[in-house]
N, C-alpha and C. Protein backbone atom coordinates (compact mmCIF):
# COMPACT_ATOMS: atom_id res chain seq x y z
N MET A 1 -12.87 -3.22 -36.60
CA MET A 1 -11.73 -2.34 -36.38
C MET A 1 -11.85 -1.74 -34.97
N THR A 2 -10.72 -1.63 -34.31
CA THR A 2 -10.68 -1.09 -32.95
C THR A 2 -10.89 0.43 -32.98
N PRO A 3 -11.28 1.02 -31.83
CA PRO A 3 -11.41 2.49 -31.79
C PRO A 3 -10.09 3.18 -32.14
N GLU A 4 -8.99 2.60 -31.70
CA GLU A 4 -7.69 3.19 -32.00
C GLU A 4 -7.42 3.15 -33.50
N GLY A 5 -7.76 2.04 -34.14
CA GLY A 5 -7.58 1.91 -35.58
C GLY A 5 -8.42 2.90 -36.35
N ARG A 6 -9.65 3.10 -35.89
CA ARG A 6 -10.54 4.06 -36.54
C ARG A 6 -9.97 5.47 -36.42
N LEU A 7 -9.48 5.82 -35.22
CA LEU A 7 -8.93 7.15 -35.01
C LEU A 7 -7.69 7.37 -35.88
N THR A 8 -6.86 6.35 -35.99
CA THR A 8 -5.67 6.44 -36.83
C THR A 8 -6.08 6.66 -38.29
N LEU A 9 -7.09 5.93 -38.75
CA LEU A 9 -7.56 6.06 -40.12
C LEU A 9 -8.11 7.46 -40.38
N VAL A 10 -8.90 7.98 -39.45
CA VAL A 10 -9.46 9.33 -39.60
C VAL A 10 -8.34 10.36 -39.65
N GLY A 11 -7.34 10.21 -38.77
CA GLY A 11 -6.20 11.13 -38.77
C GLY A 11 -5.43 11.10 -40.07
N GLN A 12 -5.24 9.91 -40.61
CA GLN A 12 -4.52 9.78 -41.89
C GLN A 12 -5.31 10.42 -43.02
N GLN A 13 -6.63 10.21 -43.02
CA GLN A 13 -7.46 10.81 -44.06
C GLN A 13 -7.45 12.33 -43.97
N LEU A 14 -7.50 12.85 -42.74
CA LEU A 14 -7.46 14.30 -42.55
C LEU A 14 -6.15 14.87 -43.08
N MET A 15 -5.04 14.23 -42.77
CA MET A 15 -3.74 14.71 -43.25
C MET A 15 -3.68 14.66 -44.77
N GLN A 16 -4.23 13.61 -45.39
CA GLN A 16 -4.23 13.52 -46.85
C GLN A 16 -5.01 14.68 -47.46
N GLU A 17 -6.15 15.04 -46.87
CA GLU A 17 -6.96 16.15 -47.39
C GLU A 17 -6.22 17.47 -47.24
N ILE A 18 -5.52 17.66 -46.12
CA ILE A 18 -4.76 18.89 -45.91
C ILE A 18 -3.64 19.00 -46.94
N VAL A 19 -2.96 17.90 -47.19
CA VAL A 19 -1.88 17.90 -48.18
C VAL A 19 -2.43 18.19 -49.56
N LYS A 20 -3.55 17.57 -49.93
CA LYS A 20 -4.17 17.81 -51.23
C LYS A 20 -4.54 19.29 -51.39
N ALA A 21 -5.15 19.86 -50.37
CA ALA A 21 -5.55 21.27 -50.43
C ALA A 21 -4.33 22.16 -50.54
N SER A 22 -3.29 21.82 -49.81
CA SER A 22 -2.06 22.60 -49.86
C SER A 22 -1.43 22.54 -51.25
N GLU A 23 -1.40 21.35 -51.82
CA GLU A 23 -0.82 21.19 -53.15
C GLU A 23 -1.64 21.91 -54.21
N ALA A 24 -2.95 21.99 -54.01
CA ALA A 24 -3.83 22.67 -54.96
C ALA A 24 -3.86 24.17 -54.70
N ASN A 25 -3.08 24.62 -53.71
CA ASN A 25 -3.03 26.03 -53.33
C ASN A 25 -4.41 26.54 -52.90
N SER A 26 -5.16 25.67 -52.25
CA SER A 26 -6.49 26.02 -51.76
C SER A 26 -6.39 26.47 -50.32
N ALA A 27 -7.39 27.21 -49.89
CA ALA A 27 -7.45 27.61 -48.50
C ALA A 27 -7.77 26.39 -47.65
N VAL A 28 -6.97 26.14 -46.65
CA VAL A 28 -7.19 25.01 -45.77
C VAL A 28 -8.04 25.43 -44.59
N LEU A 29 -7.89 26.67 -44.18
CA LEU A 29 -8.59 27.15 -43.00
C LEU A 29 -9.78 28.00 -43.38
N ASP A 30 -10.81 27.89 -42.59
CA ASP A 30 -12.03 28.65 -42.83
C ASP A 30 -12.35 29.41 -41.55
N ASP A 31 -13.60 29.77 -41.36
CA ASP A 31 -14.01 30.45 -40.13
C ASP A 31 -13.78 29.55 -38.93
N VAL A 32 -13.72 30.17 -37.75
CA VAL A 32 -13.56 29.40 -36.52
C VAL A 32 -14.72 28.43 -36.38
N GLN A 33 -14.42 27.19 -36.11
CA GLN A 33 -15.43 26.17 -35.91
C GLN A 33 -15.81 26.16 -34.44
N THR A 34 -17.05 26.47 -34.14
CA THR A 34 -17.49 26.56 -32.75
C THR A 34 -18.17 25.28 -32.30
N GLY A 35 -18.42 25.20 -31.01
CA GLY A 35 -19.09 24.04 -30.44
C GLY A 35 -18.14 23.07 -29.76
N TRP A 36 -16.87 23.44 -29.69
CA TRP A 36 -15.88 22.57 -29.05
C TRP A 36 -15.80 22.89 -27.57
N ALA A 37 -16.11 21.93 -26.74
CA ALA A 37 -15.96 22.09 -25.30
C ALA A 37 -14.53 21.74 -24.92
N ALA A 38 -14.02 22.40 -23.89
CA ALA A 38 -12.65 22.13 -23.45
C ALA A 38 -12.61 20.78 -22.74
N PRO A 39 -11.78 19.85 -23.22
CA PRO A 39 -11.67 18.56 -22.55
C PRO A 39 -10.91 18.71 -21.23
N THR A 40 -11.21 17.84 -20.30
CA THR A 40 -10.50 17.85 -19.02
C THR A 40 -9.51 16.69 -19.00
N GLY A 41 -8.64 16.70 -18.03
CA GLY A 41 -7.67 15.62 -17.92
C GLY A 41 -6.30 16.07 -18.35
N THR A 42 -5.46 15.10 -18.65
CA THR A 42 -4.07 15.35 -18.98
C THR A 42 -3.86 15.40 -20.48
N ALA A 43 -3.17 16.43 -20.95
CA ALA A 43 -2.78 16.52 -22.35
C ALA A 43 -1.37 15.95 -22.50
N SER A 44 -1.12 15.33 -23.63
CA SER A 44 0.22 14.80 -23.88
C SER A 44 0.58 15.02 -25.33
N ARG A 45 1.81 15.45 -25.54
CA ARG A 45 2.34 15.61 -26.90
C ARG A 45 3.49 14.64 -27.14
N ALA A 46 3.58 13.62 -26.31
CA ALA A 46 4.65 12.64 -26.42
C ALA A 46 4.46 11.76 -27.66
N THR A 47 5.53 11.22 -28.13
CA THR A 47 5.47 10.31 -29.27
C THR A 47 4.79 9.01 -28.86
N PHE A 48 4.19 8.32 -29.82
CA PHE A 48 3.55 7.04 -29.52
C PHE A 48 3.53 6.17 -30.75
N ASP A 49 3.35 4.89 -30.53
CA ASP A 49 3.28 3.91 -31.61
C ASP A 49 1.80 3.65 -31.90
N THR A 50 1.38 3.92 -33.11
CA THR A 50 -0.04 3.76 -33.45
C THR A 50 -0.50 2.32 -33.34
N ALA A 51 0.41 1.39 -33.39
CA ALA A 51 0.05 -0.02 -33.30
C ALA A 51 -0.24 -0.46 -31.87
N THR A 52 0.29 0.27 -30.89
CA THR A 52 0.14 -0.17 -29.50
C THR A 52 -0.43 0.91 -28.58
N ALA A 53 -0.80 2.07 -29.12
CA ALA A 53 -1.32 3.16 -28.29
C ALA A 53 -2.62 2.75 -27.62
N THR A 54 -2.75 3.10 -26.36
CA THR A 54 -3.97 2.80 -25.61
C THR A 54 -4.99 3.91 -25.84
N THR A 55 -6.22 3.63 -25.47
CA THR A 55 -7.27 4.64 -25.59
C THR A 55 -6.93 5.87 -24.75
N VAL A 56 -6.36 5.66 -23.58
CA VAL A 56 -5.97 6.78 -22.71
C VAL A 56 -4.91 7.63 -23.41
N GLU A 57 -3.90 7.00 -23.99
CA GLU A 57 -2.85 7.75 -24.68
C GLU A 57 -3.42 8.54 -25.86
N ILE A 58 -4.32 7.94 -26.60
CA ILE A 58 -4.94 8.64 -27.73
C ILE A 58 -5.78 9.81 -27.23
N GLY A 59 -6.50 9.61 -26.14
CA GLY A 59 -7.29 10.70 -25.55
C GLY A 59 -6.41 11.85 -25.11
N GLN A 60 -5.24 11.55 -24.55
CA GLN A 60 -4.32 12.59 -24.11
C GLN A 60 -3.79 13.39 -25.31
N ARG A 61 -3.50 12.70 -26.41
CA ARG A 61 -3.03 13.39 -27.62
C ARG A 61 -4.15 14.23 -28.22
N LEU A 62 -5.37 13.69 -28.20
CA LEU A 62 -6.52 14.42 -28.72
C LEU A 62 -6.76 15.69 -27.91
N LYS A 63 -6.65 15.59 -26.59
CA LYS A 63 -6.80 16.78 -25.73
C LYS A 63 -5.75 17.82 -26.10
N ALA A 64 -4.52 17.39 -26.30
CA ALA A 64 -3.45 18.33 -26.67
C ALA A 64 -3.77 19.02 -27.99
N LEU A 65 -4.28 18.27 -28.96
CA LEU A 65 -4.64 18.87 -30.25
C LEU A 65 -5.78 19.88 -30.09
N ILE A 66 -6.81 19.51 -29.33
CA ILE A 66 -7.93 20.43 -29.11
C ILE A 66 -7.45 21.68 -28.39
N ASP A 67 -6.61 21.51 -27.37
CA ASP A 67 -6.05 22.67 -26.65
C ASP A 67 -5.29 23.59 -27.60
N ASP A 68 -4.44 23.00 -28.44
CA ASP A 68 -3.63 23.80 -29.36
C ASP A 68 -4.49 24.51 -30.41
N LEU A 69 -5.47 23.80 -30.96
CA LEU A 69 -6.33 24.42 -31.97
C LEU A 69 -7.19 25.53 -31.37
N THR A 70 -7.61 25.35 -30.12
CA THR A 70 -8.38 26.39 -29.43
C THR A 70 -7.50 27.61 -29.17
N ALA A 71 -6.27 27.36 -28.68
CA ALA A 71 -5.35 28.46 -28.40
C ALA A 71 -4.99 29.23 -29.68
N HIS A 72 -4.92 28.52 -30.79
CA HIS A 72 -4.59 29.14 -32.06
C HIS A 72 -5.77 29.90 -32.66
N GLY A 73 -6.97 29.60 -32.17
CA GLY A 73 -8.16 30.29 -32.65
C GLY A 73 -8.87 29.60 -33.80
N LEU A 74 -8.48 28.36 -34.11
CA LEU A 74 -9.12 27.65 -35.21
C LEU A 74 -10.42 27.01 -34.81
N ILE A 75 -10.53 26.62 -33.54
CA ILE A 75 -11.77 26.07 -33.01
C ILE A 75 -12.07 26.77 -31.70
N GLY A 76 -13.30 26.70 -31.25
CA GLY A 76 -13.64 27.35 -29.98
C GLY A 76 -14.98 26.90 -29.46
N PRO A 77 -15.31 27.39 -28.29
CA PRO A 77 -16.59 27.00 -27.68
C PRO A 77 -17.78 27.57 -28.43
């Protein structure tokens, strides 16, 4: 499996767990998860096709997610 395929699979599994927890009325969020370093480079929130996304495009989306989660206070350094 390609790195992109693995990342897509992990993302799908994460979303399934969030949906399950939400449906079970469980707490999805816990304490701030530390140890996250701020990624450098370009963040992107643009739409993409999971079948053709490049590693660079996936990295840009991942940076945007890390930036957003850090700004929200869910993860941090």
